[in-house]
Amino acid sequence: MSDDPKSLEELRQILATIKTIAVVGLSDKLDRPSHTIPAYLQEQGYRIIPVNPTISEALGEKAYASLRDVPVKVDVVEIFRRSEDVPPIVEDAIAIGAKVVWMQSGIVNEQAALRAEAAGLTVVMDTCMGDTHKLLRAMGKI
């Protein structure tokens, strides 16, 4: 259920098995969390695909205007957008066959989470993917 926080083991399982993360709202501004967190994840070996119609590339990868434009298989859709902007992103995540929708810290949309879960996706809300990875790495679990 979307209102149940994921256990650390569930989050470890996600981070240990994924390879490609499409980051909706990735910024080319170096000081923003929407840049620094994907950059950290890229350094950890994940392929980061920027999804932002206002930039042409970031982190050495071509940026795409929408998830539906991404030409490769995406495991996780990481969202750096306002909570009210999440529903159409979830619809796109479902359409492209993503396994996980991960809403960063401060981003919560229960209705979109329920829609994603109903379509078979795992949902993480209001949780920083970078901080979660760092914690698991410090614990020697990833």
Protein backbone atom coordinates (compact mmCIF):
# COMPACT_ATOMS: atom_id res chain seq x y z
CA MET A 1 0.00 0.00 0.00
CA SER A 2 1.31 3.41 -0.90
CA ASP A 3 0.97 4.86 2.61
CA ASP A 4 3.22 2.15 4.06
CA PRO A 5 6.83 3.29 4.01
CA LYS A 6 9.14 0.87 2.28
CA SER A 7 11.48 -1.06 4.53
CA LEU A 8 15.19 -0.54 4.17
CA GLU A 9 15.42 -4.08 2.79
CA GLU A 10 12.84 -3.28 0.09
CA LEU A 11 14.79 -0.16 -0.85
CA ARG A 12 18.05 -2.17 -0.87
CA GLN A 13 16.45 -4.70 -3.20
CA ILE A 14 15.43 -1.93 -5.61
CA LEU A 15 18.86 -0.28 -5.61
CA ALA A 16 20.69 -3.60 -5.92
CA THR A 17 18.76 -4.77 -8.98
CA ILE A 18 18.22 -1.67 -11.11
CA LYS A 19 20.53 -0.32 -13.78
CA THR A 20 18.79 2.55 -15.59
CA ILE A 21 17.18 5.55 -13.90
CA ALA A 22 15.22 8.13 -15.87
CA VAL A 23 15.26 11.33 -13.83
CA VAL A 24 12.26 13.55 -14.50
CA GLY A 25 13.16 17.13 -13.66
CA LEU A 26 16.93 16.61 -13.69
CA SER A 27 18.55 20.04 -13.62
CA ASP A 28 21.68 21.23 -15.37
CA LYS A 29 22.25 23.63 -12.45
CA LEU A 30 25.11 22.07 -10.50
CA ASP A 31 23.97 23.28 -7.06
CA ARG A 32 20.48 21.76 -7.14
CA PRO A 33 19.58 18.41 -5.55
CA SER A 34 17.96 17.53 -8.90
CA HIS A 35 21.51 17.55 -10.29
CA THR A 36 23.70 16.47 -7.37
CA ILE A 37 21.66 13.36 -6.47
CA PRO A 38 21.54 11.95 -10.03
CA ALA A 39 25.27 12.79 -10.37
CA TYR A 40 26.00 10.78 -7.22
CA LEU A 41 23.91 7.85 -8.47
CA GLN A 42 25.75 7.98 -11.80
CA GLU A 43 29.06 7.80 -9.93
CA GLN A 44 27.75 4.64 -8.24
CA GLY A 45 27.34 2.96 -11.63
CA TYR A 46 23.71 3.61 -12.52
CA ARG A 47 22.88 4.91 -16.00
CA ILE A 48 21.11 8.23 -15.58
CA ILE A 49 18.81 9.47 -18.32
CA PRO A 50 17.77 13.12 -17.98
CA VAL A 51 14.12 13.88 -18.70
CA ASN A 52 13.64 17.63 -18.95
CA PRO A 53 12.32 19.51 -21.99
CA THR A 54 14.37 22.62 -21.13
CA ILE A 55 17.84 21.06 -21.46
CA SER A 56 19.60 19.16 -24.24
CA GLU A 57 21.98 17.13 -22.08
CA ALA A 58 23.21 16.65 -18.52
CA LEU A 59 25.76 14.39 -16.88
CA GLY A 60 27.08 13.48 -20.32
CA GLU A 61 23.73 11.99 -21.40
CA LYS A 62 21.25 13.28 -23.96
CA ALA A 63 18.15 14.72 -22.30
CA TYR A 64 14.65 13.80 -23.45
CA ALA A 65 11.54 15.96 -23.35
CA SER A 66 9.40 13.19 -21.84
CA LEU A 67 9.66 9.63 -20.59
CA ARG A 68 7.91 8.39 -23.72
CA ASP A 69 10.81 9.75 -25.81
CA VAL A 70 13.45 7.68 -23.98
CA PRO A 71 14.63 4.97 -26.41
CA VAL A 72 16.03 2.52 -23.83
CA LYS A 73 14.45 0.37 -21.13
CA VAL A 74 14.04 2.27 -17.87
CA ASP A 75 14.01 0.47 -14.52
CA VAL A 76 13.21 3.42 -12.25
CA VAL A 77 11.54 6.76 -12.85
CA GLU A 78 12.97 9.16 -10.28
CA ILE A 79 10.82 12.28 -9.90
CA PHE A 80 12.07 15.77 -9.06
CA ARG A 81 8.84 17.65 -9.73
CA ARG A 82 6.11 19.15 -7.55
CA SER A 83 3.67 16.66 -6.06
CA GLU A 84 0.81 17.98 -8.20
CA ASP A 85 2.86 17.30 -11.36
CA VAL A 86 3.29 13.59 -10.59
CA PRO A 87 0.13 11.97 -12.12
CA PRO A 88 1.06 12.38 -15.81
CA ILE A 89 4.62 11.25 -15.02
CA VAL A 90 3.21 8.08 -13.45
CA GLU A 91 1.08 7.49 -16.56
CA ASP A 92 4.22 7.79 -18.69
CA ALA A 93 6.15 5.46 -16.33
CA ILE A 94 3.39 2.86 -16.73
CA ALA A 95 3.38 3.32 -20.52
CA ILE A 96 7.14 2.73 -20.85
CA GLY A 97 7.14 -0.33 -18.59
CA ALA A 98 9.18 1.05 -15.70
CA LYS A 99 9.35 -1.15 -12.60
CA VAL A 100 9.60 1.60 -9.96
CA VAL A 101 8.39 5.16 -9.46
CA TRP A 102 10.56 6.93 -6.89
CA MET A 103 9.39 10.35 -5.66
CA GLN A 104 12.20 12.31 -4.02
CA SER A 105 12.05 13.85 -0.54
CA GLY A 106 9.10 16.18 -0.14
CA ILE A 107 7.19 14.71 -3.08
CA VAL A 108 3.98 12.87 -2.20
CA ASN A 109 0.98 12.10 -4.39
CA GLU A 110 -1.16 9.31 -2.95
CA GLN A 111 -3.52 9.13 -5.93
CA ALA A 112 -0.63 8.74 -8.39
CA ALA A 113 0.99 6.17 -6.09
CA LEU A 114 -2.18 4.09 -6.00
CA ARG A 115 -2.44 4.29 -9.80
CA ALA A 116 1.17 3.13 -10.20
CA GLU A 117 0.70 0.27 -7.73
CA ALA A 118 -2.50 -0.81 -9.46
CA ALA A 119 -0.45 -1.07 -12.67
CA GLY A 120 2.12 -3.25 -10.91
CA LEU A 121 4.85 -0.70 -10.22
CA THR A 122 6.66 -0.36 -6.91
CA VAL A 123 6.28 3.12 -5.43
CA VAL A 124 8.64 5.00 -3.13
CA MET A 125 7.52 8.42 -1.92
CA ASP A 126 9.12 11.25 0.03
CA THR A 127 12.49 9.47 0.14
CA CYS A 128 15.86 10.59 -1.19
CA MET A 129 17.35 7.95 -3.47
CA GLY A 130 20.87 9.30 -2.93
CA ASP A 131 20.62 9.35 0.88
CA THR A 132 19.13 5.85 0.83
CA HIS A 133 22.00 4.57 -1.31
CA LYS A 134 24.59 6.26 0.94
CA LEU A 135 23.02 4.73 4.06
CA LEU A 136 22.94 1.25 2.56
CA ARG A 137 26.53 1.63 1.33
CA ALA A 138 27.67 2.74 4.80
CA MET A 139 25.95 -0.33 6.26
CA GLY A 140 27.78 -2.55 3.74
CA LYS A 141 24.49 -3.72 2.21
CA ILE A 142 25.03 -2.44 -1.31
